[in-house]
Amino acid sequence: MTHSDEPRPQSSIQAGPSVRPRPRRHWWLLVIPYLWCIAAIPAVNRVGYVFGNVPFLLVWMIIGVIVTSGCISAVYFVDRRNGDLERI
């Protein structure tokens, strides 16, 4: 019996063509909310500006919620376009 005639063991995982996963560089967008809400707060907290009767820090955090929502939705839509939602 030659090497090529030997039976191969069955595997529960089907070996398909070798496909390299796409790089997820768009996930770097998720760093923006961190920098906005955590890293920039000490600098923003020094601003004494009042928008109407609302402190600037509160305005900054509310805008941060909007920016965070935009970043997360952009990552979601790119992942959905690439078919990567189930691959996480």
N, C-alpha and C. Protein backbone atom coordinates (compact mmCIF):
# COMPACT_ATOMS: atom_id res chain seq x y z
N MET A 1 0.85 -1.17 0.00
CA MET A 1 0.00 0.00 0.00
C MET A 1 0.90 1.24 0.00
N THR A 2 0.71 2.11 -0.94
CA THR A 2 1.52 3.31 -1.01
C THR A 2 0.95 4.38 -0.10
N HIS A 3 1.70 5.43 0.05
CA HIS A 3 1.29 6.53 0.94
C HIS A 3 -0.01 7.16 0.48
N SER A 4 -0.22 7.27 -0.82
CA SER A 4 -1.43 7.91 -1.33
C SER A 4 -2.65 7.02 -1.20
N ASP A 5 -2.45 5.70 -1.02
CA ASP A 5 -3.57 4.78 -0.90
C ASP A 5 -4.09 4.64 0.52
N GLU A 6 -3.40 5.20 1.49
CA GLU A 6 -3.81 5.08 2.89
C GLU A 6 -5.09 5.89 3.11
N PRO A 7 -6.00 5.34 3.87
CA PRO A 7 -7.23 6.10 4.15
C PRO A 7 -6.93 7.29 5.06
N ARG A 8 -7.61 8.36 4.79
CA ARG A 8 -7.42 9.58 5.60
C ARG A 8 -8.43 9.59 6.74
N PRO A 9 -8.03 10.02 7.90
CA PRO A 9 -8.99 10.11 9.01
C PRO A 9 -10.03 11.20 8.73
N GLN A 10 -11.27 10.92 9.11
CA GLN A 10 -12.33 11.88 8.91
C GLN A 10 -12.25 12.95 9.98
N SER A 11 -12.45 14.17 9.59
CA SER A 11 -12.41 15.28 10.52
C SER A 11 -13.77 15.94 10.55
N SER A 12 -14.15 16.43 11.72
CA SER A 12 -15.44 17.12 11.82
C SER A 12 -15.37 18.51 11.19
N ILE A 13 -14.18 19.02 11.00
CA ILE A 13 -14.00 20.33 10.37
C ILE A 13 -13.62 20.11 8.92
N GLN A 14 -14.41 20.63 8.04
CA GLN A 14 -14.12 20.48 6.61
C GLN A 14 -13.04 21.45 6.21
N ALA A 15 -12.03 20.94 5.59
CA ALA A 15 -10.93 21.80 5.16
C ALA A 15 -11.31 22.42 3.83
N GLY A 16 -11.44 23.71 3.83
CA GLY A 16 -11.76 24.42 2.61
C GLY A 16 -10.53 25.12 2.09
N PRO A 17 -10.72 25.92 1.07
CA PRO A 17 -9.57 26.67 0.57
C PRO A 17 -9.07 27.64 1.64
N SER A 18 -7.79 27.83 1.64
CA SER A 18 -7.18 28.72 2.63
C SER A 18 -7.56 30.16 2.31
N VAL A 19 -8.39 30.73 3.14
CA VAL A 19 -8.85 32.10 2.94
C VAL A 19 -8.33 32.95 4.09
N ARG A 20 -7.58 33.95 3.75
CA ARG A 20 -7.07 34.86 4.78
C ARG A 20 -8.18 35.80 5.19
N PRO A 21 -8.39 35.96 6.48
CA PRO A 21 -9.41 36.92 6.91
C PRO A 21 -9.02 38.34 6.54
N ARG A 22 -10.04 39.12 6.23
CA ARG A 22 -9.78 40.52 5.89
C ARG A 22 -9.30 41.28 7.11
N PRO A 23 -8.38 42.21 6.91
CA PRO A 23 -7.97 43.02 8.07
C PRO A 23 -9.13 43.91 8.51
N ARG A 24 -9.21 44.12 9.77
CA ARG A 24 -10.29 44.94 10.33
C ARG A 24 -9.74 46.29 10.78
N ARG A 25 -9.15 46.99 9.84
CA ARG A 25 -8.58 48.29 10.18
C ARG A 25 -9.65 49.30 10.57
N HIS A 26 -10.88 49.11 10.12
CA HIS A 26 -11.95 50.04 10.47
C HIS A 26 -12.29 49.96 11.96
N TRP A 27 -11.86 48.90 12.64
CA TRP A 27 -12.11 48.81 14.08
C TRP A 27 -11.32 49.86 14.85
N TRP A 28 -10.31 50.45 14.23
CA TRP A 28 -9.58 51.53 14.89
C TRP A 28 -10.47 52.75 15.13
N LEU A 29 -11.61 52.82 14.44
CA LEU A 29 -12.57 53.90 14.71
C LEU A 29 -13.09 53.83 16.15
N LEU A 30 -13.03 52.66 16.75
CA LEU A 30 -13.53 52.51 18.11
C LEU A 30 -12.59 53.10 19.15
N VAL A 31 -11.43 53.54 18.73
CA VAL A 31 -10.50 54.22 19.65
C VAL A 31 -10.95 55.67 19.86
N ILE A 32 -11.63 56.24 18.88
CA ILE A 32 -12.07 57.64 18.97
C ILE A 32 -12.95 57.88 20.20
N PRO A 33 -13.98 57.05 20.48
CA PRO A 33 -14.78 57.30 21.69
C PRO A 33 -13.96 57.21 22.98
N TYR A 34 -13.00 56.30 23.01
CA TYR A 34 -12.15 56.20 24.20
C TYR A 34 -11.36 57.49 24.39
N LEU A 35 -10.73 57.94 23.32
CA LEU A 35 -9.94 59.17 23.43
C LEU A 35 -10.83 60.36 23.76
N TRP A 36 -12.03 60.37 23.19
CA TRP A 36 -12.97 61.48 23.43
C TRP A 36 -13.40 61.51 24.89
N CYS A 37 -13.81 60.38 25.43
CA CYS A 37 -14.42 60.36 26.76
C CYS A 37 -13.43 60.18 27.90
N ILE A 38 -12.32 59.53 27.67
CA ILE A 38 -11.40 59.23 28.77
C ILE A 38 -10.15 60.11 28.70
N ALA A 39 -9.49 60.11 27.58
CA ALA A 39 -8.20 60.78 27.49
C ALA A 39 -8.32 62.30 27.42
N ALA A 40 -9.40 62.82 26.83
CA ALA A 40 -9.51 64.27 26.66
C ALA A 40 -10.21 64.96 27.83
N ILE A 41 -10.81 64.22 28.73
CA ILE A 41 -11.55 64.85 29.82
C ILE A 41 -10.69 65.76 30.70
N PRO A 42 -9.47 65.38 31.08
CA PRO A 42 -8.68 66.30 31.89
C PRO A 42 -8.44 67.66 31.21
N ALA A 43 -8.22 67.64 29.91
CA ALA A 43 -8.00 68.91 29.19
C ALA A 43 -9.31 69.69 29.05
N VAL A 44 -10.39 69.00 28.78
CA VAL A 44 -11.68 69.67 28.58
C VAL A 44 -12.25 70.17 29.90
N ASN A 45 -11.93 69.52 30.98
CA ASN A 45 -12.45 69.91 32.28
C ASN A 45 -11.93 71.28 32.71
N ARG A 46 -10.84 71.72 32.15
CA ARG A 46 -10.27 73.03 32.51
C ARG A 46 -10.98 74.19 31.84
N VAL A 47 -11.79 73.89 30.82
CA VAL A 47 -12.50 74.94 30.09
C VAL A 47 -13.65 75.44 30.94
N GLY A 48 -13.72 76.73 31.15
CA GLY A 48 -14.76 77.29 31.98
C GLY A 48 -15.93 77.84 31.18
N TYR A 49 -15.98 77.55 29.91
CA TYR A 49 -17.02 78.07 29.02
C TYR A 49 -18.38 77.48 29.39
N VAL A 50 -19.38 78.32 29.36
CA VAL A 50 -20.74 77.87 29.62
C VAL A 50 -21.57 78.12 28.38
N PHE A 51 -22.18 77.06 27.86
CA PHE A 51 -23.04 77.14 26.68
C PHE A 51 -24.47 77.32 27.16
N GLY A 52 -24.96 78.55 27.07
CA GLY A 52 -26.24 78.85 27.69
C GLY A 52 -26.06 78.77 29.20
N ASN A 53 -26.77 77.93 29.86
CA ASN A 53 -26.57 77.67 31.28
C ASN A 53 -26.01 76.27 31.51
N VAL A 54 -25.46 75.67 30.46
CA VAL A 54 -24.94 74.31 30.54
C VAL A 54 -23.42 74.35 30.54
N PRO A 55 -22.77 73.70 31.48
CA PRO A 55 -21.31 73.68 31.50
C PRO A 55 -20.74 72.99 30.25
N PHE A 56 -19.54 73.44 29.86
CA PHE A 56 -18.91 72.92 28.65
C PHE A 56 -18.65 71.42 28.75
N LEU A 57 -18.30 70.92 29.94
CA LEU A 57 -18.03 69.50 30.10
C LEU A 57 -19.26 68.66 29.77
N LEU A 58 -20.43 69.12 30.16
CA LEU A 58 -21.67 68.39 29.85
C LEU A 58 -21.94 68.41 28.34
N VAL A 59 -21.72 69.55 27.70
CA VAL A 59 -21.87 69.64 26.25
C VAL A 59 -20.89 68.69 25.57
N TRP A 60 -19.65 68.65 26.06
CA TRP A 60 -18.62 67.76 25.50
C TRP A 60 -19.05 66.29 25.59
N MET A 61 -19.59 65.90 26.75
CA MET A 61 -20.00 64.51 26.93
C MET A 61 -21.21 64.16 26.07
N ILE A 62 -22.14 65.07 25.89
CA ILE A 62 -23.30 64.82 25.04
C ILE A 62 -22.87 64.66 23.59
N ILE A 63 -21.96 65.52 23.14
CA ILE A 63 -21.43 65.38 21.78
C ILE A 63 -20.65 64.07 21.66
N GLY A 64 -19.99 63.66 22.74
CA GLY A 64 -19.27 62.39 22.75
C GLY A 64 -20.19 61.20 22.55
N VAL A 65 -21.39 61.24 23.11
CA VAL A 65 -22.36 60.17 22.90
C VAL A 65 -22.73 60.08 21.42
N ILE A 66 -22.90 61.23 20.78
CA ILE A 66 -23.24 61.25 19.36
C ILE A 66 -22.07 60.73 18.52
N VAL A 67 -20.86 61.16 18.84
CA VAL A 67 -19.67 60.69 18.11
C VAL A 67 -19.48 59.19 18.31
N THR A 68 -19.68 58.70 19.52
CA THR A 68 -19.56 57.27 19.81
C THR A 68 -20.57 56.47 19.00
N SER A 69 -21.80 56.93 18.95
CA SER A 69 -22.82 56.25 18.17
C SER A 69 -22.46 56.21 16.69
N GLY A 70 -21.90 57.30 16.19
CA GLY A 70 -21.48 57.33 14.79
C GLY A 70 -20.35 56.36 14.51
N CYS A 71 -19.38 56.28 15.40
CA CYS A 71 -18.25 55.36 15.21
C CYS A 71 -18.70 53.90 15.25
N ILE A 72 -19.55 53.57 16.21
CA ILE A 72 -20.04 52.19 16.32
C ILE A 72 -20.89 51.82 15.12
N SER A 73 -21.73 52.73 14.66
CA SER A 73 -22.55 52.41 13.49
C SER A 73 -21.71 52.30 12.23
N ALA A 74 -20.65 53.09 12.10
CA ALA A 74 -19.77 52.98 10.94
C ALA A 74 -19.08 51.62 10.92
N VAL A 75 -18.60 51.15 12.07
CA VAL A 75 -17.98 49.83 12.15
C VAL A 75 -19.00 48.74 11.83
N TYR A 76 -20.21 48.88 12.33
CA TYR A 76 -21.26 47.90 12.05
C TYR A 76 -21.55 47.82 10.56
N PHE A 77 -21.72 48.96 9.91
CA PHE A 77 -22.07 48.95 8.49
C PHE A 77 -20.93 48.41 7.62
N VAL A 78 -19.69 48.70 7.98
CA VAL A 78 -18.56 48.14 7.23
C VAL A 78 -18.50 46.63 7.43
N ASP A 79 -18.71 46.16 8.66
CA ASP A 79 -18.72 44.72 8.91
C ASP A 79 -19.87 44.05 8.18
N ARG A 80 -21.02 44.68 8.15
CA ARG A 80 -22.17 44.09 7.45
C ARG A 80 -21.92 44.03 5.95
N ARG A 81 -21.31 45.07 5.40
CA ARG A 81 -21.00 45.07 3.97
C ARG A 81 -20.00 43.97 3.61
N ASN A 82 -19.05 43.71 4.51
CA ASN A 82 -18.03 42.68 4.26
C ASN A 82 -18.51 41.29 4.64
N GLY A 83 -19.68 41.16 5.23
CA GLY A 83 -20.18 39.86 5.65
C GLY A 83 -19.48 39.33 6.87
N ASP A 84 -19.00 40.20 7.74
CA ASP A 84 -18.23 39.79 8.91
C ASP A 84 -19.03 39.79 10.20
N LEU A 85 -20.32 39.96 10.15
CA LEU A 85 -21.09 40.05 11.39
C LEU A 85 -21.10 38.74 12.16
N GLU A 86 -21.08 37.61 11.47
CA GLU A 86 -21.12 36.32 12.14
C GLU A 86 -19.72 35.83 12.51
N ARG A 87 -18.69 36.51 12.04
CA ARG A 87 -17.32 36.05 12.21
C ARG A 87 -16.66 36.60 13.47
N ILE A 88 -17.37 37.34 14.26
CA ILE A 88 -16.76 38.01 15.41
C ILE A 88 -16.35 37.07 16.47
